[in-house]
Protein backbone atom coordinates (compact mmCIF):
# COMPACT_ATOMS: atom_id res chain seq x y z
CA MET A 1 0.26 0.08 -0.09
CA HIS A 2 1.47 3.44 -0.93
CA LEU A 3 0.24 6.96 -0.34
CA SER A 4 1.30 9.43 -2.40
CA VAL A 5 3.23 12.56 -2.14
CA ASN A 6 1.00 15.18 -1.24
CA ARG A 7 2.30 19.22 -2.19
CA LEU A 8 1.80 21.57 0.47
CA LEU A 9 1.11 24.37 -2.28
CA LEU A 10 -2.34 23.04 -3.03
CA LEU A 11 -3.50 24.65 -0.40
CA LEU A 12 -4.13 27.37 -2.76
CA LEU A 13 -7.15 25.83 -4.28
CA LEU A 14 -8.15 26.21 -0.25
CA VAL A 15 -6.79 29.17 -0.43
CA LEU A 16 -7.73 31.14 -1.26
CA LEU A 17 -12.04 28.42 -2.94
CA ALA A 18 -9.97 26.81 -0.32
CA ALA A 19 -9.38 23.31 0.28
CA PHE A 20 -6.14 21.24 2.10
CA VAL A 21 -4.87 18.51 -0.25
CA LEU A 22 -3.52 16.91 3.06
CA GLN A 23 -6.92 14.50 3.98
CA GLY A 24 -8.42 15.90 7.09
CA CYS A 25 -7.25 19.62 6.98
CA SER A 26 -10.09 21.08 5.26
CA THR A 27 -10.74 24.82 5.89
CA ASN A 28 -13.69 27.12 3.78
CA THR A 29 -12.25 30.85 3.63
CA ARG A 30 -15.07 32.18 1.24
CA GLN A 31 -16.39 35.16 2.75
CA GLN A 32 -20.09 36.16 1.35
CA THR A 33 -20.35 39.71 0.50
CA SER A 34 -21.54 41.16 -1.93
CA ALA A 35 -20.42 45.64 -1.48
CA SER A 36 -19.91 48.62 -4.40
CA ALA A 37 -17.20 50.75 -4.18
CA SER A 38 -16.80 54.15 -5.82
CA ALA A 39 -13.97 55.27 -8.38
CA SER A 40 -12.50 57.60 -5.71
CA ALA A 41 -12.31 54.67 -3.28
CA ASP A 42 -8.86 53.71 -1.98
CA TYR A 43 -8.44 50.61 0.45
CA CYS A 44 -6.18 48.44 3.02
CA ILE A 45 -5.84 44.89 1.90
CA GLY A 46 -3.88 42.43 3.10
CA ARG A 47 -0.68 45.16 4.25
CA MET A 48 -1.22 46.64 0.61
CA ALA A 49 -2.62 50.21 -0.37
CA VAL A 50 -4.70 49.48 -3.16
CA THR A 51 -6.57 52.32 -5.56
CA PRO A 52 -9.03 51.57 -8.01
CA GLN A 53 -9.01 52.87 -11.35
CA ALA A 54 -13.19 52.11 -12.01
CA PRO A 55 -15.91 51.42 -9.90
CA LEU A 56 -15.45 47.49 -7.99
CA ARG A 57 -18.10 45.81 -6.68
CA PHE A 58 -16.35 42.75 -4.34
CA LEU A 59 -17.56 39.55 -4.35
CA GLY A 60 -15.85 37.54 -1.91
CA GLY A 61 -12.23 37.10 -0.58
CA ALA A 62 -9.96 34.69 1.97
CA TYR A 63 -7.37 35.40 3.77
CA GLN A 64 -4.80 33.83 5.61
CA PHE A 65 -2.95 34.67 8.64
CA TYR A 66 -0.44 33.05 10.55
CA TRP A 67 -1.48 29.87 8.78
CA GLY A 68 -5.18 30.15 10.15
CA ASP A 69 -8.47 32.04 8.29
CA ILE A 70 -9.96 34.81 8.75
CA ASP A 71 -13.87 34.96 7.83
CA THR A 72 -16.01 37.61 7.84
CA TRP A 73 -19.62 38.39 7.77
CA ARG A 74 -22.52 40.98 7.87
CA GLU A 75 -25.23 39.81 10.19
CA ASP A 76 -27.04 40.86 13.24
CA GLU A 77 -26.80 39.40 16.64
CA ALA A 78 -29.14 36.33 16.60
CA SER A 79 -27.34 35.10 13.54
CA TYR A 80 -23.99 35.37 15.46
CA ARG A 81 -25.17 33.03 18.03
CA ARG A 82 -26.50 30.30 15.95
CA ARG A 83 -22.76 30.84 14.01
CA VAL A 84 -20.58 30.00 17.31
CA GLN A 85 -23.49 27.50 18.53
CA ALA A 86 -23.30 25.67 15.42
CA ALA A 87 -19.48 25.83 15.65
CA GLN A 88 -19.40 23.79 19.32
CA ALA A 89 -22.11 21.40 18.15
CA PRO A 90 -20.97 18.07 18.52
CA VAL A 91 -22.09 17.50 14.50
CA ASP A 92 -22.67 20.78 12.45
CA GLY A 93 -23.62 19.52 8.62
CA ALA A 94 -20.90 17.21 7.04
CA ARG A 95 -18.52 18.02 10.76
CA VAL A 96 -18.38 16.23 13.62
CA ARG A 97 -16.31 17.46 16.98
CA GLN A 98 -15.55 17.29 20.16
CA LEU A 99 -14.44 20.12 22.96
CA LEU A 100 -11.60 19.65 24.64
CA LYS A 101 -12.44 22.86 27.29
CA PRO A 102 -15.57 24.81 28.02
CA VAL A 103 -15.95 27.27 25.74
CA ALA A 104 -14.47 30.37 26.63
CA THR A 105 -16.02 33.83 27.11
CA LEU A 106 -12.64 36.83 26.06
CA PRO A 107 -13.03 39.50 28.56
CA GLY A 108 -13.51 43.32 27.26
CA ASN A 109 -15.91 42.20 24.07
CA HIS A 110 -13.05 40.51 22.60
CA GLY A 111 -15.85 37.14 21.57
CA VAL A 112 -15.45 33.58 22.16
CA LEU A 113 -13.10 30.67 22.01
CA ILE A 114 -13.51 27.22 20.86
CA VAL A 115 -10.56 24.28 21.51
CA ALA A 116 -11.74 20.89 19.29
CA ARG A 117 -11.45 18.35 17.58
CA GLU A 118 -12.65 18.31 14.57
CA GLU A 119 -13.51 16.33 10.86
CA ASP A 120 -15.60 15.53 8.34
CA ARG A 121 -16.03 12.34 10.51
CA LEU A 122 -15.35 9.89 12.71
CA PRO A 123 -12.78 8.95 14.14
CA LEU A 124 -11.20 12.21 15.40
CA ASP A 125 -7.71 12.67 15.24
CA PRO A 126 -5.57 12.77 18.62
CA ASN A 127 -2.99 14.64 17.22
CA VAL A 128 -4.41 17.87 15.71
CA VAL A 129 -6.52 20.47 17.59
CA GLN A 130 -8.51 23.21 15.83
CA VAL A 131 -8.84 26.06 17.59
CA THR A 132 -11.64 28.61 16.50
CA GLY A 133 -12.62 32.34 17.75
CA PHE A 134 -14.94 34.72 17.25
CA ILE A 135 -15.90 38.35 17.61
CA HIS A 136 -18.98 40.29 16.72
CA ARG A 137 -19.50 44.43 16.84
CA ASP A 138 -21.48 46.67 15.27
CA GLY A 139 -23.42 43.86 12.69
CA THR A 140 -19.78 42.13 11.53
CA THR A 141 -18.33 38.94 12.66
CA LEU A 142 -14.83 38.07 12.18
CA ARG A 143 -13.79 34.52 12.63
CA PHE A 144 -10.31 33.52 13.19
CA ARG A 145 -9.63 29.56 12.79
CA LYS A 146 -6.34 27.18 12.49
CA ARG A 147 -5.86 23.50 12.97
CA ALA A 148 -2.23 22.76 15.33
CA VAL A 149 -0.36 19.88 16.23
CA SER A 150 -2.06 18.98 19.41
CA ARG A 151 1.17 19.69 21.92
CA LEU A 152 0.90 23.31 20.89
CA GLN A 153 -2.68 23.97 21.64
CA ASP A 154 -1.47 26.33 24.57
CA VAL A 155 0.61 28.77 22.38
CA THR A 156 -2.44 28.28 19.88
CA GLU A 157 -4.86 29.07 21.96
CA GLN A 158 -2.88 32.60 23.43
CA ARG A 159 -2.03 33.19 19.77
CA ALA A 160 -5.86 33.36 18.52
CA ARG A 161 -6.61 34.91 21.95
CA GLU A 162 -4.30 38.01 20.82
CA ILE A 163 -5.62 37.45 17.17
CA LEU A 164 -9.08 38.23 18.30
CA ALA A 165 -8.09 41.23 20.82
CA ALA A 166 -6.06 42.97 17.80
CA SER A 167 -8.76 42.98 15.54
CA ASP A 168 -11.57 45.69 14.52
CA VAL A 169 -14.26 44.67 12.32
CA SER A 170 -15.71 47.75 9.68
CA SER A 171 -19.47 47.68 7.70
CA THR A 172 -17.77 48.50 4.68
CA PRO A 173 -15.84 46.63 2.55
CA PHE A 174 -11.77 46.84 3.84
CA PRO A 175 -10.31 49.93 5.78
CA PRO A 176 -8.79 52.68 4.02
CA ALA A 177 -5.61 52.79 2.44
CA ARG A 178 -3.76 54.81 5.20
CA GLN A 179 -4.35 52.14 7.56
CA ALA A 180 -2.31 49.20 5.45
CA GLN A 181 0.69 50.64 8.13
CA ASP A 182 -1.36 49.86 11.25
CA GLY A 183 -1.98 45.87 10.12
CA PHE A 184 -3.40 42.95 7.97
CA CYS A 185 -6.26 43.79 6.68
CA VAL A 186 -9.71 41.67 5.59
CA MET A 187 -12.84 42.48 3.61
CA HIS A 188 -14.57 43.70 6.85
CA GLY A 189 -11.96 44.37 9.46
CA THR A 190 -8.25 44.60 10.71
CA VAL A 191 -5.99 42.33 12.36
CA LYS A 192 -3.37 44.65 14.11
CA LEU A 193 -0.71 42.69 14.53
CA ALA A 194 3.21 43.16 13.13
CA PRO A 195 4.31 40.28 11.45
CA LEU A 196 7.08 38.15 12.49
CA PRO A 197 9.67 36.13 10.23
CA GLY A 198 7.97 33.17 8.65
CA TRP A 199 4.86 33.96 9.47
CA HIS A 200 2.12 33.01 6.96
CA GLU A 201 -0.32 35.60 4.88
CA VAL A 202 -2.43 35.37 2.29
CA THR A 203 -4.88 37.63 0.56
CA ARG A 204 -7.54 36.75 -2.58
CA THR A 205 -10.38 39.28 -3.06
CA GLU A 206 -12.78 38.64 -6.06
CA GLY A 207 -14.72 41.39 -7.52
CA LYS A 208 -16.23 42.53 -10.58
CA PHE A 209 -16.27 46.24 -13.06
CA MET A 210 -17.61 47.28 -15.62
CA LEU A 211 -15.51 48.43 -18.68
CA GLU A 212 -17.90 50.36 -21.83
CA GLY A 213 -20.73 48.37 -20.33
CA VAL A 214 -18.86 44.95 -20.44
CA SER A 215 -18.95 43.34 -17.00
CA TYR A 216 -15.51 41.89 -15.75
CA ARG A 217 -14.16 39.98 -13.13
CA PHE A 218 -10.88 40.29 -11.02
CA SER A 219 -9.03 38.64 -9.17
CA LEU A 220 -6.25 40.13 -6.43
CA ARG A 221 -4.14 37.97 -5.10
CA THR A 222 -1.21 38.36 -2.69
CA ARG A 223 1.30 35.85 -0.26
CA TYR A 224 3.96 36.14 1.23
CA LEU A 225 7.12 34.23 1.08
CA ARG A 226 9.82 32.94 2.53
CA SER A 227 12.29 32.43 -0.50
CA LEU A 228 12.71 34.73 -3.73
CA SER A 229 12.93 31.03 -5.58
CA LEU A 230 9.46 30.50 -4.85
CA ASN A 231 8.27 33.16 -7.08
CA GLU A 232 7.45 31.09 -10.58
CA LEU A 233 6.03 27.93 -8.86
CA GLU A 234 3.70 30.39 -7.20
CA LYS A 235 3.07 31.80 -10.89
CA GLU A 236 2.19 28.47 -11.74
CA ASN A 237 -0.27 27.64 -8.32
CA GLN A 238 -2.48 30.28 -8.89
CA ARG A 239 -2.96 29.74 -12.65
CA LEU A 240 -4.26 26.49 -10.89
CA VAL A 241 -6.94 28.67 -8.56
CA LEU A 242 -7.45 30.41 -11.40
CA ALA A 243 -8.73 27.63 -14.02
CA GLU A 244 -11.72 26.50 -11.73
CA LEU A 245 -12.36 30.20 -10.72
CA ALA A 246 -12.75 31.75 -14.09
CA GLY A 247 -15.14 28.67 -15.43
CA GLY A 248 -12.38 25.61 -16.13
CA THR A 249 -11.75 22.41 -14.85
CA LYS A 250 -8.48 20.94 -13.45
CA ASP A 251 -8.04 19.57 -17.19
CA SER A 252 -8.34 23.09 -18.51
CA THR A 253 -5.04 23.68 -20.86
CA VAL A 254 -3.53 26.89 -20.23
CA SER A 255 -1.35 28.87 -23.01
CA GLU A 256 0.46 31.83 -22.47
CA GLN A 257 1.12 34.91 -24.96
CA ALA A 258 3.70 37.31 -23.43
CA LEU A 259 2.78 41.28 -23.04
CA SER A 260 5.51 42.49 -21.23
CA SER A 261 8.07 41.25 -18.94
CA THR A 262 5.29 40.74 -15.84
CA SER A 263 1.89 40.43 -17.63
CA SER A 264 0.49 38.03 -19.98
CA LEU A 265 -2.36 36.61 -22.19
CA LEU A 266 -3.50 33.34 -21.03
CA THR A 267 -5.87 31.43 -23.34
CA MET A 268 -7.83 28.69 -21.16
CA SER A 269 -9.72 25.51 -22.45
CA THR A 270 -13.51 25.72 -20.67
CA PRO A 271 -16.26 23.14 -21.43
CA SER A 272 -17.70 25.45 -23.66
CA GLY A 273 -15.01 26.69 -25.63
CA SER A 274 -12.03 28.91 -24.47
CA LYS A 275 -11.84 32.44 -22.12
CA ARG A 276 -9.00 34.47 -22.61
CA ILE A 277 -8.13 35.79 -19.13
CA ALA A 278 -5.68 38.99 -18.35
CA GLU A 279 -2.44 38.39 -16.02
CA TRP A 280 -0.20 40.93 -14.19
CA ARG A 281 2.47 39.56 -11.63
CA LEU A 282 4.60 41.46 -9.43
CA PRO A 283 7.41 39.20 -7.98
CA ALA A 284 8.05 39.43 -4.39
CA SER A 285 11.29 41.18 -4.16
CA GLY A 286 11.97 40.50 -0.68
CA THR A 287 11.29 38.44 2.12
CA SER A 288 9.72 40.86 3.64
CA HIS A 289 5.49 40.61 4.76
CA SER A 290 5.64 44.25 2.89
CA THR A 291 7.02 42.82 -0.61
CA PRO A 292 4.72 40.08 -1.21
CA VAL A 293 4.47 38.25 -4.46
CA THR A 294 1.01 40.05 -6.55
CA PHE A 295 -1.00 38.67 -8.78
CA LEU A 296 -3.92 40.63 -11.04
CA TYR A 297 -6.27 38.29 -12.86
CA VAL A 298 -8.83 40.02 -15.38
CA TRP A 299 -11.57 38.28 -17.82
CA PRO A 300 -14.67 38.61 -19.18
CA GLU A 301 -17.57 38.07 -17.10
CA SER A 302 -20.13 36.23 -19.84
CA ASP A 303 -18.92 33.07 -21.42
CA ASN A 304 -20.70 34.43 -24.71
CA SER A 305 -19.08 37.83 -25.14
CA SER A 306 -19.18 39.46 -28.89
CA ALA A 307 -16.40 39.61 -31.23
CA LYS A 308 -16.81 43.71 -30.66
CA GLN A 309 -16.44 43.14 -26.98
CA ASP A 310 -13.01 40.58 -27.29
CA ALA A 311 -12.01 43.43 -29.67
CA ALA A 312 -12.43 45.95 -27.00
CA PHE A 313 -10.80 43.55 -24.00
CA MET A 314 -7.91 43.53 -25.87
CA GLN A 315 -7.43 46.81 -26.86
CA TRP A 316 -7.72 47.99 -22.93
CA LEU A 317 -4.91 44.99 -22.44
CA VAL A 318 -2.28 46.26 -25.60
CA SER A 319 -2.91 49.66 -24.51
CA ARG A 320 -1.78 49.09 -21.18
CA PRO A 321 1.70 46.48 -21.12
CA ARG A 322 3.97 48.03 -18.65
CA GLN A 323 1.61 49.11 -16.40
CA SER A 324 2.11 46.43 -13.46
CA THR A 325 -1.36 46.55 -12.75
CA PRO A 326 -4.00 48.98 -14.44
CA LEU A 327 -7.02 48.81 -12.91
CA LEU A 328 -5.53 48.83 -9.52
CA GLN A 329 -2.72 50.73 -8.70
CA LEU A 330 -0.53 48.69 -5.94
CA GLN A 331 1.51 49.91 -2.99
CA SER A 332 3.54 47.82 -0.05
CA VAL A 333 3.25 49.40 3.11
CA PRO A 334 5.77 48.33 6.43
CA ALA A 335 4.68 47.71 9.05
CA ALA A 336 4.06 50.48 11.58
CA ALA A 337 6.78 50.64 14.56
CA THR A 338 4.64 51.43 17.21
CA GLN A 339 2.37 48.07 16.04
CA ALA A 340 1.88 45.33 18.61
CA GLN A 341 4.43 42.58 18.28
CA PRO A 342 3.60 39.09 19.52
CA ALA A 343 6.29 36.70 21.05
CA PRO A 344 7.55 34.36 17.99
CA VAL A 345 7.17 30.68 18.64
CA ARG A 346 9.54 28.78 15.39
CA GLU A 347 7.74 26.43 14.87
CA GLU A 348 3.82 27.38 15.16
CA SER A 349 3.11 29.43 11.85
CA LYS A 350 2.60 25.80 10.00
CA VAL A 351 -0.18 24.05 8.08
CA VAL A 352 -0.50 20.59 9.98
CA TYR A 353 0.63 17.76 7.97
CA ARG A 354 -0.62 14.05 8.77
CA MET A 355 -2.56 11.10 7.31
CA GLN A 356 -5.15 8.50 8.24
CA LEU A 357 -4.53 5.07 6.47
CA ALA A 358 -7.10 2.92 5.22
CA TYR A 359 -7.27 -0.41 3.16
CA PRO A 360 -9.55 -0.32 0.14
CA GLY A 361 -12.70 -0.19 1.41
CA ASP A 362 -12.34 2.93 4.12
CA GLN A 363 -11.13 0.35 6.74
CA ASP A 364 -9.22 1.84 8.97
CA ALA A 365 -5.42 0.56 8.54
CA GLY A 366 -4.18 0.57 12.38
CA ASN A 367 -0.87 -0.91 13.08
CA ARG A 368 0.84 -0.44 9.90
CA ARG A 369 4.52 0.64 9.86
CA TYR A 370 5.27 3.96 7.35
CA ILE A 371 7.99 6.43 6.35
CA ILE A 372 7.03 10.03 6.18
CA LEU A 373 9.31 12.01 3.49
CA ARG A 374 9.59 15.54 3.16
CA ASP A 375 11.45 16.96 0.13
CA ASN A 376 12.38 13.20 -0.76
CA LYS A 377 14.41 12.93 2.94
CA GLN A 378 12.73 10.28 5.70
CA VAL A 379 11.92 12.70 8.75
CA ASP A 380 9.92 10.09 10.76
CA GLU A 381 9.01 6.89 10.76
CA GLY A 382 6.69 4.87 13.06
CA ARG A 383 2.96 2.87 13.20
CA SER A 384 -0.61 4.00 13.10
CA ASP A 385 -2.25 4.13 15.73
CA THR A 386 -4.93 1.76 16.07
CA GLN A 387 -7.50 3.90 13.94
CA GLY A 388 -5.08 4.60 11.06
CA PHE A 389 -3.83 8.40 12.38
CA THR A 390 0.64 8.54 11.95
CA ARG A 391 2.13 11.29 13.79
CA ALA A 392 1.31 15.15 12.98
CA HIS A 393 4.09 17.36 11.46
CA ASN A 394 4.22 20.71 10.95
CA ALA A 395 5.20 21.62 7.37
CA ASP A 396 5.63 24.59 4.86
CA TYR A 397 3.18 25.55 2.44
CA ASP A 398 5.86 24.90 -0.06
CA GLU A 399 7.47 21.96 0.52
CA ILE A 400 6.88 18.17 -0.43
CA TRP A 401 5.54 15.82 2.02
CA GLY A 402 4.60 12.19 1.00
CA THR A 403 4.00 9.34 3.25
CA THR A 404 5.12 5.58 2.44
CA VAL A 405 3.24 2.50 3.73
CA MET A 406 5.44 -0.49 4.69
CA ASN A 407 4.84 -4.40 3.66
CA ASN A 408 6.08 -5.41 7.91
């Protein structure tokens, strides 16, 4: 029995429609919202100041901070209470969970904290814990959710408390651009914490705009890179995510026509034919959180655009090949020197890698010897527990992890 290698980079098929490729590490990071914006407005998204060149309508997004997912919703108090109750229920839809301690009410109107084991189905992995925190103010709910190796439960709880205490919420999409130095900005709020080296940060923001009476979609993505050598690999990952978002499939082919050193016209096959997508790239220029790799994608919303509309889109593209991002002016903003900074813990800002071994027919494979590889090097060897679970490890998103099950 052999379990195939998993590339943690495919977390983006998460991040941002977002589902971890690692078994049992699921998350849902889409934020349901829809709001218009004027052409003169500017925004803080992630740690960037963003000024649009046309009125935008935001459709949703996904945001990760310290390897936790941050979601926001506009809702009333009753809806918030139902959401918190569902998050601690033994069964909630397709999720099952077991609380590890009573739900904590945080002081200073800083919400509630839930510590549990949670899976898509029984059994529950004893090696993994999930910490979920909520705050609700002025009609906006913010949720922070992070999965961690069980031995890091205490520090994960403490970090969640710090993140909730440092979070502000708002009723409108994104804070003003001037707040970019204050923290990490999400759809309806800000986490006012300075990043630490290695802390993972990702944003993906979806929306639409009008060009000469035609509706276009856009997708803006940023990701902190811990090495500049990952710039090219990140381009490949973002295109994988783009396929599903723009109407393609996992089998869609993508051809590329370069417009400049940082922009391209992509032609992607779809079930209904093909679609042209404009891509602009701003490679990470450093390993600071204020210099993330950035991508902007623009494409016609309709699958049945006319030849005239296609020509107008092409004219818009070729007239702007030297502009880094023609729809949005982007400026990275370093964190303010006075911004709060939590104490570092070296291994906590990671994603969990673990497996549950099973025989054909979904029968748990207990007491099976396994070897775990990281970047093709052995890092662990052991036997699965009675329910088939291996030990859990902390992993970086750009590493390649795999599990091989031995015959003895």
